[in-house]
Each structure stands twice: as structure tokens, then as C-alpha cells.
Amino acid sequence: ASMPVPTTWSFDQIEEAGQRFASTLAKGHAEKCKWREGICSESISEFPATQSALLTTKFKERCDALRRLPRLPEVD
């Protein structure tokens, strides 16, 4: 779901509208629905969906590979 807002709105107006939108999403589900009042982890918005431990491991692997080079490649 998305919630476009006018560019003329203040931060407070956007914040208030966001709170109303979130409340509507939660209350829009049946009472016994597991999504009702359920909050998704922030990791759901990550792209690609990867666990942070894996990201850290892969980053360290790339850093180690760069350290083994006789010199760093030129970047334009």
C-alpha cells in the first residue's frame, strides 16, 4: 500500500496522516487475522532481502579480496 501526500504538507501533517494510514491498515483486517496489529520487521523493506549477518560476511570477503590486490583499481 502507498500513501502519496501533497508536497505542500508540513512534516507534522505527513506524520499525522501516516499514523492514521497505519491505524487503518491494522484495523482493516478481521479481528482474528494475524496481520491485525502485527508489525512487520523493518528488514522486510531491505532489497535484496538478506540477513545483516550475511551482508557483513560478504562485505568482509570483498574487503579481504581488495586487500590482496597489489594495488586498488582506478575508479572514474
C-alpha atoms as a PDB file:
ATOM      1  CA  ALA A   1       0.000   0.000   0.000  1.00  0.00           C
ATOM      2  CA  SER A   2       1.157   3.511  -0.543  1.00  0.00           C
ATOM      3  CA  MET A   3       0.156   6.885   0.755  1.00  0.00           C
ATOM      4  CA  PRO A   4       1.020   9.759  -1.562  1.00  0.00           C
ATOM      5  CA  VAL A   5       0.838  13.162   0.125  1.00  0.00           C
ATOM      6  CA  PRO A   6       0.839  16.674  -1.295  1.00  0.00           C
ATOM      7  CA  THR A   7       4.279  18.273  -1.457  1.00  0.00           C
ATOM      8  CA  THR A   8       2.865  21.286   0.369  1.00  0.00           C
ATOM      9  CA  TRP A   9       2.164  19.332   3.582  1.00  0.00           C
ATOM     10  CA  SER A  10       4.286  20.047   6.644  1.00  0.00           C
ATOM     11  CA  PHE A  11       6.192  17.297   8.444  1.00  0.00           C
ATOM     12  CA  ASP A  12       3.537  17.259  11.176  1.00  0.00           C
ATOM     13  CA  GLN A  13       0.746  16.823   8.632  1.00  0.00           C
ATOM     14  CA  ILE A  14       2.596  13.940   6.985  1.00  0.00           C
ATOM     15  CA  GLU A  15       3.301  12.334  10.357  1.00  0.00           C
ATOM     16  CA  GLU A  16      -0.358  12.577  11.382  1.00  0.00           C
ATOM     17  CA  ALA A  17      -1.575  11.186   8.061  1.00  0.00           C
ATOM     18  CA  GLY A  18       0.940   8.337   8.361  1.00  0.00           C
ATOM     19  CA  GLN A  19      -0.379   7.446  11.802  1.00  0.00           C
ATOM     20  CA  ARG A  20      -3.967   7.403  10.505  1.00  0.00           C
ATOM     21  CA  PHE A  21      -2.909   5.309   7.499  1.00  0.00           C
ATOM     22  CA  ALA A  22      -1.084   2.781   9.711  1.00  0.00           C
ATOM     23  CA  SER A  23      -4.095   2.543  12.004  1.00  0.00           C
ATOM     24  CA  THR A  24      -6.373   1.925   9.028  1.00  0.00           C
ATOM     25  CA  LEU A  25      -4.097  -0.849   7.783  1.00  0.00           C
ATOM     26  CA  ALA A  26      -4.133  -2.597  11.149  1.00  0.00           C
ATOM     27  CA  LYS A  27      -7.860  -2.249  11.740  1.00  0.00           C
ATOM     28  CA  GLY A  28      -8.738  -3.229   8.176  1.00  0.00           C
ATOM     29  CA  HIS A  29      -8.091  -6.900   8.939  1.00  0.00           C
ATOM     30  CA  ALA A  30     -10.558  -9.287  10.560  1.00  0.00           C
ATOM     31  CA  GLU A  31     -10.303  -9.401  14.334  1.00  0.00           C
ATOM     32  CA  LYS A  32      -8.627 -12.840  14.416  1.00  0.00           C
ATOM     33  CA  CYS A  33      -6.322 -12.138  11.467  1.00  0.00           C
ATOM     34  CA  LYS A  34      -2.634 -12.438  12.411  1.00  0.00           C
ATOM     35  CA  TRP A  35      -1.848  -9.287  10.401  1.00  0.00           C
ATOM     36  CA  ARG A  36      -4.106  -7.181  12.598  1.00  0.00           C
ATOM     37  CA  GLU A  37      -1.961  -5.119  14.936  1.00  0.00           C
ATOM     38  CA  GLY A  38       1.032  -7.132  13.697  1.00  0.00           C
ATOM     39  CA  ILE A  39       4.136  -5.194  12.842  1.00  0.00           C
ATOM     40  CA  CYS A  40       6.487  -6.389  10.140  1.00  0.00           C
ATOM     41  CA  SER A  41      10.191  -6.323  10.802  1.00  0.00           C
ATOM     42  CA  GLU A  42      11.998  -3.396   9.178  1.00  0.00           C
ATOM     43  CA  SER A  43      14.097  -5.958   7.318  1.00  0.00           C
ATOM     44  CA  ILE A  44      11.094  -6.597   5.064  1.00  0.00           C
ATOM     45  CA  SER A  45      11.915  -3.331   3.292  1.00  0.00           C
ATOM     46  CA  GLU A  46      15.516  -4.292   2.560  1.00  0.00           C
ATOM     47  CA  PHE A  47      16.435  -5.039  -1.013  1.00  0.00           C
ATOM     48  CA  PRO A  48      17.616  -7.589  -1.620  1.00  0.00           C
ATOM     49  CA  ALA A  49      16.120  -9.307   1.392  1.00  0.00           C
ATOM     50  CA  THR A  50      19.256 -10.502   3.176  1.00  0.00           C
ATOM     51  CA  GLN A  51      20.131 -11.028   6.812  1.00  0.00           C
ATOM     52  CA  SER A  52      22.529  -8.422   8.169  1.00  0.00           C
ATOM     53  CA  ALA A  53      24.993 -11.113   9.320  1.00  0.00           C
ATOM     54  CA  LEU A  54      25.253 -12.358   5.732  1.00  0.00           C
ATOM     55  CA  LEU A  55      25.709  -8.797   4.452  1.00  0.00           C
ATOM     56  CA  THR A  56      28.538  -8.253   6.940  1.00  0.00           C
ATOM     57  CA  THR A  57      30.234 -11.514   5.955  1.00  0.00           C
ATOM     58  CA  LYS A  58      30.023 -10.709   2.240  1.00  0.00           C
ATOM     59  CA  PHE A  59      31.316  -7.170   2.840  1.00  0.00           C
ATOM     60  CA  LYS A  60      34.330  -8.503   4.764  1.00  0.00           C
ATOM     61  CA  GLU A  61      35.011 -11.009   1.983  1.00  0.00           C
ATOM     62  CA  ARG A  62      35.068  -8.179  -0.587  1.00  0.00           C
ATOM     63  CA  CYS A  63      37.361  -6.090   1.637  1.00  0.00           C
ATOM     64  CA  ASP A  64      39.751  -9.027   2.061  1.00  0.00           C
ATOM     65  CA  ALA A  65      39.795  -9.565  -1.715  1.00  0.00           C
ATOM     66  CA  LEU A  66      40.690  -5.891  -2.227  1.00  0.00           C
ATOM     67  CA  ARG A  67      43.488  -6.122   0.370  1.00  0.00           C
ATOM     68  CA  ARG A  68      45.069  -8.979  -1.597  1.00  0.00           C
ATOM     69  CA  LEU A  69      45.370  -6.869  -4.744  1.00  0.00           C
ATOM     70  CA  PRO A  70      48.803  -5.339  -5.401  1.00  0.00           C
ATOM     71  CA  ARG A  71      47.030  -2.009  -5.875  1.00  0.00           C
ATOM     72  CA  LEU A  72      43.458  -0.826  -5.865  1.00  0.00           C
ATOM     73  CA  PRO A  73      41.765  -0.433  -9.261  1.00  0.00           C
ATOM     74  CA  GLU A  74      41.254   3.081 -10.564  1.00  0.00           C
ATOM     75  CA  VAL A  75      37.748   4.432 -10.211  1.00  0.00           C
ATOM     76  CA  ASP A  76      36.375   7.052 -12.567  1.00  0.00           C
END
